[in-house]
Amino acid sequence: MFSNKLKKIIISGGKDFYRNSWLSIATVIVIAITLFTVNTLVIINFLSETVLTTLQEKIDITVQFKSETPEDEIFKFKNELEQMAEVKSVIYVSQEKSLENFKESHKDDEKFIQSIQELGSNPLLASLNIKANQLDQYDRIDRSISGNKEVQGIIEKVNYQENQKPIDNFSNLIKTVRRLVVALAIIFSFLAILITFNTIRMAMYSHRQEIGIMRLVGATNWHIRMPFVVEGIILGILGCLATLTITYFLVIFISPRIIGFLPEFDLAFYFKSNLLTIIILQFAAGISLGIISSLIAIRKYLRV
C-alpha cells in the first residue's frame, strides 16, 4: 500500500514537471548554474592552495653576510632563528658552497665561468636560507631580522622585500576572486530558490481544484505536499546531472592546458579522486535547493 502511494506521488510529481516544461527547464538551468558556481569556487580554492604551496616551497628569506663575518657568529644567529615558532628550517650556505652552486647553475655559460676565474677570489657571500611554516609568516621573520640590532653589523643584504610584493599581490587576488565567486553563488542560489518556488506555485495553481477536493475529503497537508516536493527533487537532480556533466567535460578539456604552465595543478586527477564526494555534495545541494523551494511555496499556498 505504501509503495503504491509512493508510486502515485512520484508519477504526479513527474507529470507536473512535464506540464510546466519550459519553466522546469529554466529552473534546472538556474540550479545547474548555481551548482557550477559552487564548483568554480572549489576549483579556485584548490588552485590557490596549490599555487600557495608551490610558492611556499620556492620562496625563502636569504640573509647574506659580510665576507669577513666569522662562521661562529653566523651559526649563533642561525640558532636564534631556529628557535622562532614561525621558522620551518634554516640552511647555512658557506662562501665555498655558494661558489660551487653558482658554477653548477652556470656550467653551460663560459663567460660566467671565465669571469669568476679572472677574479682570482670568491666574490660570493655566505648566507642563511630561511623557510617559514606559512607564507604569511615571512613578514614577521623579516621584521625580527631587521629589528635585531646585534646582527645588523654583519648582515650585507636580506632579499625578502623583493619577493614580498608578488606574494601579497597574489594573495590579494585570490581573496578578491573568492569573494566574487561566493557572492555569485549566493545570488544564483537565491535565483534558483525563487524560480523553483514559482515553478512549484504554478504547478499548485494548476491543481488548485484537486487540492481543494483533497482537503475536503480529509487529506493531510503532508499528503498534498509530497507531489510538489517530488517535483522539486526532480528539478534538483536534473540540475545536478547537468552540472556534473558540464564540469566533467570542462575539467577534462582545461586540465592539460593548466598543467602546461602549472605542473602541480592536476585538476583532472583532483576531480576524479574526489568524484564520489563531489557527486554526493552536488546531489545534496541540488536536492536541498529543490526541497527548500517546494516547502516554501507549499507552506505559503496552504497557509500552514
Protein backbone atom coordinates (compact mmCIF):
# COMPACT_ATOMS: atom_id res chain seq x y z
CA MET A 1 0.00 0.00 0.00
CA PHE A 2 2.82 2.37 0.90
CA SER A 3 4.67 1.53 -2.33
CA ASN A 4 1.53 2.30 -4.36
CA LYS A 5 1.16 5.68 -2.68
CA LEU A 6 4.81 6.45 -3.28
CA LYS A 7 4.48 5.45 -6.92
CA LYS A 8 1.46 7.73 -7.37
CA ILE A 9 3.30 10.63 -5.71
CA ILE A 10 6.34 10.19 -7.98
CA ILE A 11 4.16 9.94 -11.11
CA SER A 12 2.23 13.05 -10.07
CA GLY A 13 5.46 14.99 -9.50
CA GLY A 14 6.78 13.88 -12.88
CA LYS A 15 3.58 14.97 -14.65
CA ASP A 16 3.80 18.42 -13.05
CA PHE A 17 7.38 18.71 -14.26
CA TYR A 18 6.26 17.83 -17.80
CA ARG A 19 3.24 20.19 -17.81
CA ASN A 20 5.44 23.19 -16.95
CA SER A 21 8.30 22.00 -19.15
CA TRP A 22 9.70 25.40 -20.21
CA LEU A 23 9.69 26.80 -16.69
CA SER A 24 11.05 23.49 -15.40
CA ILE A 25 13.93 23.65 -17.90
CA ALA A 26 14.66 27.25 -16.85
CA THR A 27 14.69 26.11 -13.21
CA VAL A 28 17.07 23.24 -13.99
CA ILE A 29 19.39 25.66 -15.81
CA VAL A 30 19.48 28.09 -12.87
CA ILE A 31 20.12 25.25 -10.40
CA ALA A 32 22.90 23.98 -12.68
CA ILE A 33 24.46 27.46 -12.85
CA THR A 34 24.27 27.74 -9.06
CA LEU A 35 25.99 24.39 -8.54
CA PHE A 36 28.55 25.16 -11.25
CA THR A 37 29.38 28.41 -9.44
CA VAL A 38 29.98 26.41 -6.28
CA ASN A 39 32.20 24.02 -8.28
CA THR A 40 34.13 27.01 -9.58
CA LEU A 41 34.70 28.16 -6.00
CA VAL A 42 36.04 24.70 -5.10
CA ILE A 43 38.37 24.73 -8.14
CA ILE A 44 39.62 28.25 -7.33
CA ASN A 45 40.24 27.20 -3.74
CA PHE A 46 42.19 24.13 -4.93
CA LEU A 47 44.14 26.26 -7.41
CA SER A 48 45.04 28.88 -4.81
CA GLU A 49 46.11 26.24 -2.27
CA THR A 50 48.26 24.51 -4.91
CA VAL A 51 49.92 27.75 -6.03
CA LEU A 52 50.45 28.94 -2.45
CA THR A 53 52.02 25.58 -1.55
CA THR A 54 54.28 25.83 -4.61
CA LEU A 55 55.26 29.37 -3.68
CA GLN A 56 55.92 28.30 -0.12
CA GLU A 57 58.36 25.66 -1.37
CA LYS A 58 60.18 28.10 -3.66
CA ILE A 59 60.15 31.29 -1.58
CA ASP A 60 62.56 31.89 1.28
CA ILE A 61 64.40 34.69 3.03
CA THR A 62 68.09 34.79 2.14
CA VAL A 63 70.33 36.63 4.60
CA GLN A 64 73.78 37.35 3.12
CA PHE A 65 76.67 38.14 5.46
CA LYS A 66 79.69 40.35 5.00
CA SER A 67 82.76 38.50 3.75
CA GLU A 68 84.74 39.00 6.97
CA THR A 69 81.98 37.62 9.24
CA PRO A 70 83.21 34.68 11.40
CA GLU A 71 81.24 31.46 10.97
CA ASP A 72 80.58 31.13 14.71
CA GLU A 73 78.61 34.41 14.66
CA ILE A 74 76.57 33.19 11.69
CA PHE A 75 75.83 29.88 13.47
CA LYS A 76 74.87 31.77 16.61
CA PHE A 77 72.33 33.80 14.61
CA LYS A 78 71.18 30.58 12.87
CA ASN A 79 70.40 29.01 16.26
CA GLU A 80 68.39 32.09 17.29
CA LEU A 81 66.31 31.90 14.12
CA GLU A 82 65.62 28.19 14.62
CA GLN A 83 64.05 28.98 18.00
CA MET A 84 61.32 31.05 16.31
CA ALA A 85 57.93 29.31 16.03
CA GLU A 86 57.42 30.73 12.52
CA VAL A 87 60.65 29.25 11.15
CA LYS A 88 60.46 25.85 9.45
CA SER A 89 64.16 25.48 8.55
CA VAL A 90 67.40 27.44 8.32
CA ILE A 91 70.13 26.25 5.95
CA TYR A 92 73.67 27.63 6.09
CA VAL A 93 75.43 28.11 2.74
CA SER A 94 79.14 28.89 3.02
CA GLN A 95 81.06 31.08 0.56
CA GLU A 96 82.63 27.97 -0.96
CA LYS A 97 79.25 26.27 -1.34
CA SER A 98 77.76 29.45 -2.88
CA LEU A 99 80.55 29.47 -5.46
CA GLU A 100 80.07 25.78 -6.16
CA ASN A 101 76.30 26.28 -6.65
CA PHE A 102 76.93 29.27 -8.91
CA LYS A 103 79.32 27.31 -11.13
CA GLU A 104 76.89 24.40 -11.34
CA SER A 105 73.95 26.62 -12.34
CA HIS A 106 76.07 28.41 -14.99
CA LYS A 107 78.18 25.48 -16.18
CA ASP A 108 76.96 25.96 -19.77
CA ASP A 109 77.86 29.66 -19.82
CA GLU A 110 81.59 30.03 -20.45
CA LYS A 111 81.54 33.83 -19.91
CA PHE A 112 80.37 33.49 -16.32
CA ILE A 113 82.91 30.78 -15.53
CA GLN A 114 85.73 32.81 -17.07
CA SER A 115 84.68 35.93 -15.15
CA ILE A 116 84.86 34.04 -11.84
CA GLN A 117 88.26 32.59 -12.71
CA GLU A 118 89.64 36.00 -13.71
CA LEU A 119 88.67 37.48 -10.35
CA GLY A 120 91.02 35.10 -8.58
CA SER A 121 88.94 35.21 -5.40
CA ASN A 122 85.47 34.20 -4.29
CA PRO A 123 83.10 37.18 -4.77
CA LEU A 124 80.10 35.37 -3.29
CA LEU A 125 78.96 35.63 0.30
CA ALA A 126 77.93 33.16 2.99
CA SER A 127 74.21 33.12 3.61
CA LEU A 128 71.31 31.65 5.57
CA ASN A 129 68.25 30.43 3.64
CA ILE A 130 65.20 30.66 5.88
CA LYS A 131 61.88 28.95 5.21
CA ALA A 132 58.69 29.72 7.13
CA ASN A 133 55.90 27.32 8.06
CA GLN A 134 53.31 29.56 6.31
CA LEU A 135 53.58 32.25 3.63
CA ASP A 136 52.09 34.92 5.88
CA GLN A 137 54.87 34.32 8.45
CA TYR A 138 57.71 35.62 6.27
CA ASP A 139 56.88 39.22 7.10
CA ARG A 140 57.20 38.53 10.84
CA ILE A 141 60.53 36.78 10.33
CA ASP A 142 61.79 39.68 8.21
CA ARG A 143 60.76 42.20 10.88
CA SER A 144 62.51 40.11 13.52
CA ILE A 145 65.73 40.11 11.50
CA SER A 146 65.60 43.85 10.76
CA GLY A 147 64.82 44.56 14.42
CA ASN A 148 67.77 42.53 15.71
CA LYS A 149 70.43 45.21 16.22
CA GLU A 150 73.06 42.69 17.30
CA VAL A 151 73.35 41.21 13.80
CA GLN A 152 72.94 44.35 11.68
CA GLY A 153 76.70 44.87 11.62
CA ILE A 154 77.36 41.50 9.99
CA ILE A 155 74.48 41.40 7.52
CA GLU A 156 75.19 42.51 3.96
CA LYS A 157 71.72 42.02 2.46
CA VAL A 158 68.28 40.49 3.12
CA ASN A 159 66.40 39.59 -0.08
CA TYR A 160 62.84 39.24 1.29
CA GLN A 161 61.46 42.64 0.24
CA GLU A 162 61.84 41.87 -3.48
CA ASN A 163 59.64 38.76 -3.04
CA GLN A 164 57.06 40.35 -0.74
CA LYS A 165 55.11 42.35 -3.33
CA PRO A 166 54.37 39.43 -5.74
CA ILE A 167 53.27 37.26 -2.79
CA ASP A 168 50.99 39.97 -1.41
CA ASN A 169 49.54 40.72 -4.85
CA PHE A 170 48.76 37.06 -5.47
CA SER A 171 47.20 36.58 -2.02
CA ASN A 172 45.00 39.67 -2.51
CA LEU A 173 43.96 38.47 -5.98
CA ILE A 174 42.92 35.07 -4.60
CA LYS A 175 40.92 36.70 -1.78
CA THR A 176 39.13 39.00 -4.26
CA VAL A 177 38.25 36.15 -6.64
CA ARG A 178 36.98 34.02 -3.75
CA ARG A 179 34.72 36.82 -2.52
CA LEU A 180 33.38 37.35 -6.04
CA VAL A 181 32.59 33.66 -6.56
CA VAL A 182 30.96 33.38 -3.11
CA ALA A 183 28.78 36.41 -3.95
CA LEU A 184 27.81 34.83 -7.29
CA ALA A 185 26.98 31.53 -5.56
CA ILE A 186 24.70 33.34 -3.10
CA ILE A 187 22.98 35.29 -5.89
CA PHE A 188 22.39 32.20 -8.04
CA SER A 189 21.20 30.22 -5.00
CA PHE A 190 18.61 32.91 -4.36
CA LEU A 191 17.56 32.88 -8.03
CA ALA A 192 17.36 29.08 -8.03
CA ILE A 193 15.10 29.09 -4.96
CA LEU A 194 12.96 31.91 -6.42
CA ILE A 195 12.49 30.25 -9.83
CA THR A 196 11.86 26.82 -8.31
CA PHE A 197 9.39 28.48 -5.95
CA ASN A 198 7.49 29.96 -8.91
CA THR A 199 7.61 26.63 -10.79
CA ILE A 200 6.02 24.82 -7.84
CA ARG A 201 3.49 27.63 -7.34
CA MET A 202 2.37 27.32 -10.96
CA ALA A 203 2.01 23.56 -10.56
CA MET A 204 -0.05 24.08 -7.42
CA TYR A 205 -2.24 26.65 -9.16
CA SER A 206 -2.99 24.21 -11.98
CA HIS A 207 -4.01 21.66 -9.32
CA ARG A 208 -5.97 24.10 -7.15
CA GLN A 209 -9.29 22.30 -7.67
CA GLU A 210 -7.75 18.88 -6.90
CA ILE A 211 -6.10 20.30 -3.78
CA GLY A 212 -9.42 21.75 -2.65
CA ILE A 213 -11.15 18.37 -3.10
CA MET A 214 -8.33 16.55 -1.28
CA ARG A 215 -8.64 18.90 1.69
CA LEU A 216 -12.42 18.42 1.76
CA VAL A 217 -12.08 14.63 1.94
CA GLY A 218 -9.62 14.94 4.81
CA ALA A 219 -6.23 14.63 3.09
CA THR A 220 -3.39 15.83 5.28
CA ASN A 221 -1.24 18.77 4.25
CA TRP A 222 1.75 16.43 4.06
CA HIS A 223 -0.09 14.21 1.57
CA ILE A 224 -0.85 17.29 -0.53
CA ARG A 225 2.75 18.49 -0.27
CA MET A 226 4.54 15.32 -1.41
CA PRO A 227 3.95 15.50 -5.22
CA PHE A 228 5.32 19.06 -5.27
CA VAL A 229 8.27 18.11 -3.08
CA VAL A 230 8.97 15.27 -5.55
CA GLU A 231 8.87 17.81 -8.38
CA GLY A 232 11.40 19.95 -6.51
CA ILE A 233 13.63 16.89 -6.03
CA ILE A 234 13.38 16.08 -9.75
CA LEU A 235 14.43 19.65 -10.60
CA GLY A 236 17.36 19.40 -8.19
CA ILE A 237 18.52 16.02 -9.54
CA LEU A 238 18.39 17.20 -13.16
CA GLY A 239 20.30 20.34 -12.20
CA CYS A 240 22.95 18.14 -10.56
CA LEU A 241 23.27 15.87 -13.58
CA ALA A 242 23.64 18.87 -15.89
CA THR A 243 26.28 20.42 -13.61
CA LEU A 244 28.31 17.22 -13.22
CA THR A 245 28.28 16.62 -16.98
CA ILE A 246 29.41 20.16 -17.81
CA THR A 247 32.02 20.19 -15.03
CA TYR A 248 33.46 16.81 -16.04
CA PHE A 249 34.00 17.71 -19.72
CA LEU A 250 35.27 21.18 -18.81
CA VAL A 251 37.80 19.72 -16.36
CA ILE A 252 38.99 17.16 -18.93
CA PHE A 253 39.35 19.97 -21.50
CA ILE A 254 41.21 22.57 -19.42
CA SER A 255 43.32 20.31 -17.17
CA PRO A 256 46.08 19.54 -19.76
CA ARG A 257 46.31 23.24 -20.61
CA ILE A 258 46.73 24.25 -16.97
CA ILE A 259 49.38 21.55 -16.39
CA GLY A 260 51.34 23.13 -19.25
CA PHE A 261 52.24 26.16 -17.11
CA LEU A 262 51.43 24.82 -13.63
CA PRO A 263 52.50 21.13 -13.42
CA GLU A 264 51.47 20.81 -9.76
CA PHE A 265 47.84 21.63 -10.57
CA ASP A 266 46.39 18.37 -11.92
CA LEU A 267 42.71 19.31 -11.93
CA ALA A 268 41.58 16.12 -13.68
CA PHE A 269 43.28 13.92 -11.07
CA TYR A 270 41.79 16.00 -8.25
CA PHE A 271 38.31 15.77 -9.79
CA LYS A 272 38.49 12.01 -10.39
CA SER A 273 39.99 11.20 -6.98
CA ASN A 274 37.23 13.20 -5.24
CA LEU A 275 34.45 12.26 -7.66
CA LEU A 276 32.30 10.38 -5.13
CA THR A 277 32.48 13.25 -2.62
CA ILE A 278 31.68 15.80 -5.35
CA ILE A 279 28.68 13.75 -6.55
CA ILE A 280 27.30 13.36 -3.01
CA LEU A 281 27.72 17.07 -2.24
CA GLN A 282 26.24 18.12 -5.59
CA PHE A 283 23.16 15.96 -5.19
CA ALA A 284 22.74 17.04 -1.57
CA ALA A 285 22.93 20.72 -2.58
CA GLY A 286 20.70 20.35 -5.67
CA ILE A 287 18.02 18.31 -3.93
CA SER A 288 18.12 20.66 -0.94
CA LEU A 289 17.51 23.65 -3.22
CA GLY A 290 14.53 21.87 -4.78
CA ILE A 291 13.03 20.74 -1.46
CA ILE A 292 13.50 24.12 0.28
CA SER A 293 11.89 25.96 -2.64
CA SER A 294 8.99 23.49 -2.72
CA LEU A 295 8.34 23.67 1.00
CA ILE A 296 8.36 27.48 0.96
CA ALA A 297 5.89 27.58 -1.95
CA ILE A 298 3.61 24.93 -0.44
CA ARG A 299 3.67 26.43 3.03
CA LYS A 300 2.58 29.82 1.71
CA TYR A 301 -0.09 28.28 -0.53
CA LEU A 302 -1.61 26.07 2.16
CA ARG A 303 -1.20 28.84 4.79
CA VAL A 304 0.16 26.31 7.28
